[in-house]
Amino acid sequence: MATDKSFIDFVLEQLLGLDGITCRRMMGEYIIYHRSKIAAYVCDNRLLVKPVEAAFKLLPSARLEPPYSGAKDMILVEDLDDKRFLIELFEAMYPELPSPKPKKK
């Protein structure tokens, strides 16, 4: 099941107060970047953030789920209505997110 356009629009609207948020569509699903670093996947109408220490601290009881079959587990964010919390989560995660790999020429 692919993510509904209305769902990704809602998630991006919740992150509007955060600088450097971009989104890329990949095979019916989405990758959310925070200042060029991969921060989250949106798959099957679920927001899944990278499993970094800051995210575990802010979401201590969150479930781990793979974004798609065969992928590594990520942290499921279930409360998407709290805009301030989502922005705080992404800001806290940013320093721990891996830098993008250099593109091969």
C-alpha atoms as a PDB file:
ATOM      1  CA  MET A   1       0.000   0.000   0.000  1.00  0.00           C
ATOM      2  CA  ALA A   2       1.489   3.338  -1.020  1.00  0.00           C
ATOM      3  CA  THR A   3       1.305   6.457   1.128  1.00  0.00           C
ATOM      4  CA  ASP A   4      -1.635   8.761   0.432  1.00  0.00           C
ATOM      5  CA  LYS A   5      -0.745  12.229  -0.841  1.00  0.00           C
ATOM      6  CA  SER A   6      -2.894  13.747   1.918  1.00  0.00           C
ATOM      7  CA  PHE A   7      -0.849  11.912   4.576  1.00  0.00           C
ATOM      8  CA  ILE A   8       2.540  13.134   3.370  1.00  0.00           C
ATOM      9  CA  ASP A   9       1.107  16.639   2.965  1.00  0.00           C
ATOM     10  CA  PHE A  10      -0.054  16.528   6.604  1.00  0.00           C
ATOM     11  CA  VAL A  11       3.351  15.343   7.871  1.00  0.00           C
ATOM     12  CA  LEU A  12       5.158  18.064   5.918  1.00  0.00           C
ATOM     13  CA  GLU A  13       2.686  20.669   7.190  1.00  0.00           C
ATOM     14  CA  GLN A  14       3.483  19.591  10.752  1.00  0.00           C
ATOM     15  CA  LEU A  15       7.181  20.198  10.046  1.00  0.00           C
ATOM     16  CA  LEU A  16       6.678  23.641   8.453  1.00  0.00           C
ATOM     17  CA  GLY A  17       8.413  25.501  11.297  1.00  0.00           C
ATOM     18  CA  LEU A  18      11.637  23.594  10.690  1.00  0.00           C
ATOM     19  CA  ASP A  19      14.251  24.911   8.247  1.00  0.00           C
ATOM     20  CA  GLY A  20      15.707  22.583   5.660  1.00  0.00           C
ATOM     21  CA  ILE A  21      12.929  19.988   5.390  1.00  0.00           C
ATOM     22  CA  THR A  22      12.633  18.448   1.944  1.00  0.00           C
ATOM     23  CA  CYS A  23      10.885  15.374   0.671  1.00  0.00           C
ATOM     24  CA  ARG A  24      11.540  12.954  -2.159  1.00  0.00           C
ATOM     25  CA  ARG A  25       9.137  10.425  -3.588  1.00  0.00           C
ATOM     26  CA  MET A  26      10.538   6.927  -4.004  1.00  0.00           C
ATOM     27  CA  MET A  27       8.390   4.111  -5.430  1.00  0.00           C
ATOM     28  CA  GLY A  28       5.117   5.395  -3.966  1.00  0.00           C
ATOM     29  CA  GLU A  29       6.676   6.194  -0.589  1.00  0.00           C
ATOM     30  CA  TYR A  30       8.668   9.178   0.673  1.00  0.00           C
ATOM     31  CA  ILE A  31      11.988  10.071   2.268  1.00  0.00           C
ATOM     32  CA  ILE A  32      12.133  13.174   4.458  1.00  0.00           C
ATOM     33  CA  TYR A  33      15.442  15.021   4.581  1.00  0.00           C
ATOM     34  CA  HIS A  34      16.478  17.487   7.259  1.00  0.00           C
ATOM     35  CA  ARG A  35      19.188  19.783   5.915  1.00  0.00           C
ATOM     36  CA  SER A  36      20.219  17.146   3.337  1.00  0.00           C
ATOM     37  CA  LYS A  37      20.385  14.278   5.855  1.00  0.00           C
ATOM     38  CA  ILE A  38      17.861  11.421   5.725  1.00  0.00           C
ATOM     39  CA  ALA A  39      15.737  11.809   8.852  1.00  0.00           C
ATOM     40  CA  ALA A  40      12.608   9.750   8.192  1.00  0.00           C
ATOM     41  CA  TYR A  41      10.670   7.554   5.821  1.00  0.00           C
ATOM     42  CA  VAL A  42       6.956   7.809   5.208  1.00  0.00           C
ATOM     43  CA  CYS A  43       5.715   4.392   4.166  1.00  0.00           C
ATOM     44  CA  ASP A  44       2.207   2.941   4.200  1.00  0.00           C
ATOM     45  CA  ASN A  45       0.895   6.114   5.896  1.00  0.00           C
ATOM     46  CA  ARG A  46       3.392   5.758   8.772  1.00  0.00           C
ATOM     47  CA  LEU A  47       6.128   8.156   9.858  1.00  0.00           C
ATOM     48  CA  LEU A  48       9.299   6.253  10.733  1.00  0.00           C
ATOM     49  CA  VAL A  49      12.353   8.135  11.985  1.00  0.00           C
ATOM     50  CA  LYS A  50      15.976   7.040  12.044  1.00  0.00           C
ATOM     51  CA  PRO A  51      16.837   5.025  15.171  1.00  0.00           C
ATOM     52  CA  VAL A  52      19.245   7.499  16.787  1.00  0.00           C
ATOM     53  CA  GLU A  53      19.759   8.003  20.517  1.00  0.00           C
ATOM     54  CA  ALA A  54      17.924  11.344  20.622  1.00  0.00           C
ATOM     55  CA  ALA A  55      14.824   9.759  19.076  1.00  0.00           C
ATOM     56  CA  PHE A  56      14.897   6.882  21.568  1.00  0.00           C
ATOM     57  CA  LYS A  57      15.090   9.403  24.437  1.00  0.00           C
ATOM     58  CA  LEU A  58      12.098  11.392  23.177  1.00  0.00           C
ATOM     59  CA  LEU A  59      10.101   8.282  22.214  1.00  0.00           C
ATOM     60  CA  PRO A  60      11.077   5.741  24.888  1.00  0.00           C
ATOM     61  CA  SER A  61       8.074   3.451  24.389  1.00  0.00           C
ATOM     62  CA  ALA A  62       7.832   3.691  20.603  1.00  0.00           C
ATOM     63  CA  ARG A  63       7.744   0.548  18.492  1.00  0.00           C
ATOM     64  CA  LEU A  64      10.437  -0.377  16.003  1.00  0.00           C
ATOM     65  CA  GLU A  65       9.176  -1.339  12.556  1.00  0.00           C
ATOM     66  CA  PRO A  66      10.772  -1.703   9.134  1.00  0.00           C
ATOM     67  CA  PRO A  67       9.599   0.883   6.580  1.00  0.00           C
ATOM     68  CA  TYR A  68       9.306  -1.892   3.978  1.00  0.00           C
ATOM     69  CA  SER A  69      10.050  -5.601   3.768  1.00  0.00           C
ATOM     70  CA  GLY A  70      13.734  -6.354   4.212  1.00  0.00           C
ATOM     71  CA  ALA A  71      14.642  -2.919   5.596  1.00  0.00           C
ATOM     72  CA  LYS A  72      16.231  -2.162   8.954  1.00  0.00           C
ATOM     73  CA  ASP A  73      13.855  -1.205  11.766  1.00  0.00           C
ATOM     74  CA  MET A  74      13.071   2.441  12.359  1.00  0.00           C
ATOM     75  CA  ILE A  75      11.144   4.197  15.131  1.00  0.00           C
ATOM     76  CA  LEU A  76       7.413   4.539  14.508  1.00  0.00           C
ATOM     77  CA  VAL A  77       6.046   7.991  15.403  1.00  0.00           C
ATOM     78  CA  GLU A  78       2.379   7.568  16.230  1.00  0.00           C
ATOM     79  CA  ASP A  79       1.415  11.017  17.564  1.00  0.00           C
ATOM     80  CA  LEU A  80       1.564  13.254  14.529  1.00  0.00           C
ATOM     81  CA  ASP A  81      -0.800  15.893  15.890  1.00  0.00           C
ATOM     82  CA  ASP A  82       1.769  17.515  18.208  1.00  0.00           C
ATOM     83  CA  LYS A  83       3.568  19.844  15.821  1.00  0.00           C
ATOM     84  CA  ARG A  84       5.937  21.234  18.481  1.00  0.00           C
ATOM     85  CA  PHE A  85       7.004  17.741  19.511  1.00  0.00           C
ATOM     86  CA  LEU A  86       7.694  16.690  15.908  1.00  0.00           C
ATOM     87  CA  ILE A  87       9.850  19.761  15.346  1.00  0.00           C
ATOM     88  CA  GLU A  88      11.677  19.120  18.647  1.00  0.00           C
ATOM     89  CA  LEU A  89      12.218  15.484  17.624  1.00  0.00           C
ATOM     90  CA  PHE A  90      13.723  16.374  14.235  1.00  0.00           C
ATOM     91  CA  GLU A  91      15.920  19.098  15.755  1.00  0.00           C
ATOM     92  CA  ALA A  92      17.205  16.723  18.449  1.00  0.00           C
ATOM     93  CA  MET A  93      17.921  14.001  15.893  1.00  0.00           C
ATOM     94  CA  TYR A  94      19.810  16.186  13.419  1.00  0.00           C
ATOM     95  CA  PRO A  95      23.304  16.084  15.028  1.00  0.00           C
ATOM     96  CA  GLU A  96      23.170  12.275  15.157  1.00  0.00           C
ATOM     97  CA  LEU A  97      21.964  11.704  11.600  1.00  0.00           C
ATOM     98  CA  PRO A  98      24.610  10.370   9.228  1.00  0.00           C
ATOM     99  CA  SER A  99      25.929  12.790   6.653  1.00  0.00           C
ATOM    100  CA  PRO A 100      24.950  12.080   3.055  1.00  0.00           C
ATOM    101  CA  LYS A 101      27.342   9.858   1.150  1.00  0.00           C
ATOM    102  CA  PRO A 102      29.273  11.659  -1.580  1.00  0.00           C
ATOM    103  CA  LYS A 103      27.882  11.058  -5.052  1.00  0.00           C
ATOM    104  CA  LYS A 104      30.048   9.046  -7.427  1.00  0.00           C
ATOM    105  CA  LYS A 105      31.040  10.815 -10.597  1.00  0.00           C
END
